[in-house]
Amino acid sequence: MEPWNDDKLNRVEDAKYLTSYLLNRFTVKKEEPFVLNIDAEWGFGKTYFLTNWRSDLKSQGCEVVYFNAWEKDFTDNPLLGFISAIDKELKPFFSKKANA
């Protein structure tokens, strides 16, 4: 499915803004840690936004790690699920770099 094709609330504009902001911030402050928090009440479209934004970024050639804590909420140690998601999403990227 094409990202944002059913975007009735024009969230694509928010995604474009955040993408531009993050790219600019990374360019200016590469070495400083940064956390982006997407927060809203239940049912306000966080999962919709993030899954579409992920698809959009991937279509632009960006490496994306997507972790949905609700889907992975089956362990006493949530860090394991998070690390597993990072490994799964970025393993092909590191394999390419190692072989280059």
N, C-alpha and C. Protein backbone atom coordinates (compact mmCIF):
# COMPACT_ATOMS: atom_id res chain seq x y z
N MET A 1 0.84 -1.19 0.00
CA MET A 1 0.00 0.00 0.00
C MET A 1 0.89 1.25 0.00
N GLU A 2 0.53 2.20 -0.76
CA GLU A 2 1.24 3.47 -0.87
C GLU A 2 1.06 4.28 0.42
N PRO A 3 2.17 4.81 0.99
CA PRO A 3 2.02 5.62 2.20
C PRO A 3 1.11 6.82 1.97
N TRP A 4 0.30 7.07 2.94
CA TRP A 4 -0.57 8.25 3.01
C TRP A 4 -1.72 8.24 2.01
N ASN A 5 -1.97 7.14 1.29
CA ASN A 5 -3.04 7.17 0.29
C ASN A 5 -4.43 7.30 0.91
N ASP A 6 -4.57 6.98 2.20
CA ASP A 6 -5.87 7.12 2.87
C ASP A 6 -5.78 8.16 3.99
N ASP A 7 -4.94 9.14 3.84
CA ASP A 7 -4.67 10.15 4.86
C ASP A 7 -5.74 11.24 4.84
N LYS A 8 -6.79 11.02 5.59
CA LYS A 8 -7.91 11.96 5.61
C LYS A 8 -7.64 13.20 6.47
N LEU A 9 -6.66 13.12 7.35
CA LEU A 9 -6.35 14.25 8.24
C LEU A 9 -5.09 15.01 7.82
N ASN A 10 -4.58 14.71 6.63
CA ASN A 10 -3.40 15.38 6.08
C ASN A 10 -2.19 15.26 7.01
N ARG A 11 -1.99 14.08 7.55
CA ARG A 11 -0.85 13.83 8.44
C ARG A 11 0.46 13.82 7.66
N VAL A 12 0.38 13.67 6.36
CA VAL A 12 1.58 13.68 5.54
C VAL A 12 2.36 14.99 5.74
N GLU A 13 1.65 16.07 5.96
CA GLU A 13 2.32 17.36 6.19
C GLU A 13 3.11 17.34 7.49
N ASP A 14 2.56 16.70 8.53
CA ASP A 14 3.29 16.56 9.80
C ASP A 14 4.54 15.71 9.59
N ALA A 15 4.40 14.65 8.80
CA ALA A 15 5.54 13.77 8.52
C ALA A 15 6.62 14.52 7.75
N LYS A 16 6.24 15.30 6.77
CA LYS A 16 7.22 16.08 6.01
C LYS A 16 7.95 17.05 6.93
N TYR A 17 7.20 17.72 7.81
CA TYR A 17 7.82 18.66 8.75
C TYR A 17 8.81 17.93 9.65
N LEU A 18 8.39 16.82 10.24
CA LEU A 18 9.27 16.08 11.15
C LEU A 18 10.50 15.54 10.43
N THR A 19 10.32 15.06 9.22
CA THR A 19 11.46 14.56 8.44
C THR A 19 12.47 15.67 8.21
N SER A 20 11.99 16.83 7.79
CA SER A 20 12.86 17.97 7.55
C SER A 20 13.55 18.40 8.85
N TYR A 21 12.79 18.46 9.92
CA TYR A 21 13.34 18.85 11.21
C TYR A 21 14.46 17.90 11.65
N LEU A 22 14.20 16.60 11.56
CA LEU A 22 15.19 15.62 11.99
C LEU A 22 16.44 15.65 11.13
N LEU A 23 16.26 15.77 9.82
CA LEU A 23 17.43 15.84 8.93
C LEU A 23 18.27 17.09 9.21
N ASN A 24 17.61 18.21 9.43
CA ASN A 24 18.34 19.44 9.74
C ASN A 24 19.01 19.36 11.10
N ARG A 25 18.32 18.81 12.08
CA ARG A 25 18.89 18.69 13.41
C ARG A 25 20.11 17.77 13.39
N PHE A 26 20.01 16.68 12.67
CA PHE A 26 21.14 15.76 12.58
C PHE A 26 22.34 16.43 11.91
N THR A 27 22.08 17.23 10.92
CA THR A 27 23.16 17.93 10.21
C THR A 27 23.88 18.90 11.14
N VAL A 28 23.14 19.59 11.99
CA VAL A 28 23.71 20.62 12.85
C VAL A 28 24.31 20.03 14.12
N LYS A 29 23.63 19.04 14.73
CA LYS A 29 24.05 18.53 16.04
C LYS A 29 24.22 17.02 16.00
N LYS A 30 25.12 16.54 15.16
CA LYS A 30 25.30 15.10 14.97
C LYS A 30 25.64 14.35 16.25
N GLU A 31 26.45 14.91 17.08
CA GLU A 31 26.97 14.19 18.24
C GLU A 31 26.07 14.24 19.47
N GLU A 32 25.05 15.05 19.46
CA GLU A 32 24.20 15.19 20.64
C GLU A 32 23.06 14.18 20.60
N PRO A 33 22.81 13.51 21.73
CA PRO A 33 21.69 12.56 21.79
C PRO A 33 20.37 13.28 21.55
N PHE A 34 19.40 12.53 21.04
CA PHE A 34 18.11 13.13 20.73
C PHE A 34 17.01 12.08 20.84
N VAL A 35 15.91 12.47 21.41
CA VAL A 35 14.73 11.60 21.52
C VAL A 35 13.54 12.36 20.96
N LEU A 36 12.77 11.71 20.13
CA LEU A 36 11.54 12.27 19.60
C LEU A 36 10.39 11.46 20.18
N ASN A 37 9.46 12.11 20.81
CA ASN A 37 8.33 11.44 21.45
C ASN A 37 7.05 11.82 20.72
N ILE A 38 6.33 10.82 20.25
CA ILE A 38 5.01 11.04 19.65
C ILE A 38 3.99 10.65 20.71
N ASP A 39 3.22 11.61 21.18
CA ASP A 39 2.32 11.36 22.30
C ASP A 39 0.92 11.87 21.96
N ALA A 40 -0.05 11.03 22.21
CA ALA A 40 -1.46 11.41 22.04
C ALA A 40 -2.31 10.37 22.75
N GLU A 41 -3.54 10.70 22.96
CA GLU A 41 -4.45 9.77 23.62
C GLU A 41 -4.72 8.57 22.72
N TRP A 42 -5.26 7.51 23.34
CA TRP A 42 -5.61 6.30 22.62
C TRP A 42 -6.62 6.65 21.53
N GLY A 43 -6.36 6.12 20.33
CA GLY A 43 -7.28 6.32 19.22
C GLY A 43 -7.03 7.56 18.39
N PHE A 44 -5.98 8.29 18.66
CA PHE A 44 -5.71 9.52 17.92
C PHE A 44 -4.83 9.31 16.70
N GLY A 45 -4.43 8.06 16.40
CA GLY A 45 -3.74 7.77 15.16
C GLY A 45 -2.23 7.70 15.22
N LYS A 46 -1.67 7.45 16.39
CA LYS A 46 -0.20 7.35 16.49
C LYS A 46 0.33 6.20 15.65
N THR A 47 -0.29 5.02 15.76
CA THR A 47 0.18 3.87 14.98
C THR A 47 0.01 4.13 13.49
N TYR A 48 -1.11 4.69 13.09
CA TYR A 48 -1.33 5.04 11.68
C TYR A 48 -0.23 5.98 11.19
N PHE A 49 0.02 7.02 11.98
CA PHE A 49 1.03 8.00 11.58
C PHE A 49 2.40 7.36 11.45
N LEU A 50 2.81 6.60 12.46
CA LEU A 50 4.15 6.03 12.47
C LEU A 50 4.35 4.96 11.40
N THR A 51 3.34 4.13 11.15
CA THR A 51 3.51 3.10 10.11
C THR A 51 3.58 3.74 8.72
N ASN A 52 2.79 4.78 8.50
CA ASN A 52 2.85 5.47 7.20
C ASN A 52 4.13 6.27 7.06
N TRP A 53 4.56 6.90 8.13
CA TRP A 53 5.81 7.65 8.08
C TRP A 53 6.98 6.71 7.83
N ARG A 54 6.96 5.54 8.47
CA ARG A 54 8.01 4.54 8.24
C ARG A 54 8.04 4.15 6.76
N SER A 55 6.88 3.84 6.18
CA SER A 55 6.82 3.46 4.76
C SER A 55 7.32 4.59 3.87
N ASP A 56 6.94 5.80 4.20
CA ASP A 56 7.36 6.97 3.43
C ASP A 56 8.88 7.13 3.49
N LEU A 57 9.45 7.03 4.69
CA LEU A 57 10.89 7.17 4.85
C LEU A 57 11.64 6.05 4.12
N LYS A 58 11.14 4.83 4.23
CA LYS A 58 11.80 3.71 3.54
C LYS A 58 11.76 3.92 2.03
N SER A 59 10.65 4.45 1.52
CA SER A 59 10.56 4.69 0.08
C SER A 59 11.55 5.76 -0.38
N GLN A 60 12.04 6.57 0.57
CA GLN A 60 13.04 7.59 0.26
C GLN A 60 14.47 7.09 0.51
N GLY A 61 14.58 5.80 0.88
CA GLY A 61 15.89 5.21 1.08
C GLY A 61 16.45 5.35 2.49
N CYS A 62 15.63 5.73 3.44
CA CYS A 62 16.08 5.87 4.82
C CYS A 62 16.01 4.53 5.54
N GLU A 63 16.96 4.32 6.44
CA GLU A 63 16.93 3.15 7.31
C GLU A 63 16.01 3.48 8.48
N VAL A 64 15.06 2.60 8.76
CA VAL A 64 14.07 2.86 9.80
C VAL A 64 13.94 1.65 10.70
N VAL A 65 13.94 1.91 12.00
CA VAL A 65 13.63 0.87 12.97
C VAL A 65 12.27 1.21 13.55
N TYR A 66 11.34 0.31 13.38
CA TYR A 66 9.98 0.51 13.90
C TYR A 66 9.77 -0.48 15.03
N PHE A 67 9.39 0.03 16.18
CA PHE A 67 9.14 -0.81 17.35
C PHE A 67 7.81 -0.41 17.96
N ASN A 68 6.85 -1.32 17.93
CA ASN A 68 5.55 -1.10 18.54
C ASN A 68 5.52 -1.83 19.87
N ALA A 69 5.64 -1.09 20.96
CA ALA A 69 5.72 -1.70 22.29
C ALA A 69 4.47 -2.49 22.63
N TRP A 70 3.32 -2.11 22.11
CA TRP A 70 2.09 -2.85 22.40
C TRP A 70 2.12 -4.23 21.78
N GLU A 71 2.69 -4.35 20.60
CA GLU A 71 2.79 -5.66 19.94
C GLU A 71 3.82 -6.55 20.60
N LYS A 72 4.81 -5.97 21.25
CA LYS A 72 5.91 -6.74 21.83
C LYS A 72 5.80 -6.85 23.35
N ASP A 73 4.64 -6.57 23.89
CA ASP A 73 4.44 -6.55 25.34
C ASP A 73 4.17 -7.95 25.89
N PHE A 74 5.14 -8.85 25.73
CA PHE A 74 4.94 -10.22 26.19
C PHE A 74 6.10 -10.71 27.05
N THR A 75 7.01 -9.83 27.42
CA THR A 75 8.17 -10.23 28.18
C THR A 75 8.33 -9.34 29.41
N ASP A 76 9.01 -9.86 30.42
CA ASP A 76 9.31 -9.06 31.60
C ASP A 76 10.43 -8.06 31.36
N ASN A 77 11.18 -8.28 30.29
CA ASN A 77 12.29 -7.39 29.96
C ASN A 77 12.05 -6.78 28.57
N PRO A 78 11.37 -5.62 28.50
CA PRO A 78 11.04 -5.03 27.20
C PRO A 78 12.26 -4.62 26.39
N LEU A 79 13.41 -4.45 27.04
CA LEU A 79 14.62 -4.08 26.32
C LEU A 79 15.01 -5.15 25.31
N LEU A 80 14.75 -6.42 25.64
CA LEU A 80 15.09 -7.51 24.71
C LEU A 80 14.32 -7.38 23.40
N GLY A 81 13.03 -7.08 23.48
CA GLY A 81 12.23 -6.88 22.27
C GLY A 81 12.70 -5.70 21.45
N PHE A 82 13.09 -4.64 22.15
CA PHE A 82 13.57 -3.44 21.47
C PHE A 82 14.89 -3.73 20.74
N ILE A 83 15.81 -4.38 21.42
CA ILE A 83 17.10 -4.72 20.79
C ILE A 83 16.90 -5.68 19.62
N SER A 84 15.97 -6.60 19.77
CA SER A 84 15.66 -7.53 18.69
C SER A 84 15.14 -6.79 17.46
N ALA A 85 14.29 -5.80 17.67
CA ALA A 85 13.76 -5.01 16.55
C ALA A 85 14.88 -4.25 15.84
N ILE A 86 15.78 -3.68 16.62
CA ILE A 86 16.92 -2.97 16.03
C ILE A 86 17.76 -3.93 15.20
N ASP A 87 18.05 -5.10 15.78
CA ASP A 87 18.85 -6.10 15.07
C ASP A 87 18.18 -6.52 13.77
N LYS A 88 16.90 -6.80 13.84
CA LYS A 88 16.16 -7.27 12.66
C LYS A 88 16.14 -6.22 11.55
N GLU A 89 15.87 -4.97 11.91
CA GLU A 89 15.74 -3.91 10.91
C GLU A 89 17.07 -3.47 10.32
N LEU A 90 18.13 -3.48 11.13
CA LEU A 90 19.40 -2.94 10.65
C LEU A 90 20.41 -3.98 10.21
N LYS A 91 20.14 -5.24 10.46
CA LYS A 91 21.10 -6.30 10.07
C LYS A 91 21.44 -6.25 8.58
N PRO A 92 20.45 -6.13 7.70
CA PRO A 92 20.80 -6.05 6.27
C PRO A 92 21.67 -4.83 5.94
N PHE A 93 21.45 -3.73 6.62
CA PHE A 93 22.23 -2.52 6.38
C PHE A 93 23.69 -2.74 6.77
N PHE A 94 23.93 -3.35 7.93
CA PHE A 94 25.30 -3.58 8.36
C PHE A 94 25.96 -4.66 7.53
N SER A 95 25.21 -5.63 7.08
CA SER A 95 25.77 -6.68 6.21
C SER A 95 26.27 -6.08 4.91
N LYS A 96 25.53 -5.15 4.35
CA LYS A 96 25.94 -4.48 3.12
C LYS A 96 27.23 -3.69 3.33
N LYS A 97 27.32 -2.98 4.46
CA LYS A 97 28.50 -2.16 4.74
C LYS A 97 29.73 -3.05 4.95
N ALA A 98 29.53 -4.18 5.61
CA ALA A 98 30.67 -5.08 5.89
C ALA A 98 31.20 -5.70 4.61
N ASN A 99 30.33 -5.92 3.63
CA ASN A 99 30.74 -6.57 2.38
C ASN A 99 31.25 -5.57 1.35
N ALA A 100 31.08 -4.29 1.62
CA ALA A 100 31.48 -3.26 0.63
C ALA A 100 32.97 -3.02 0.63
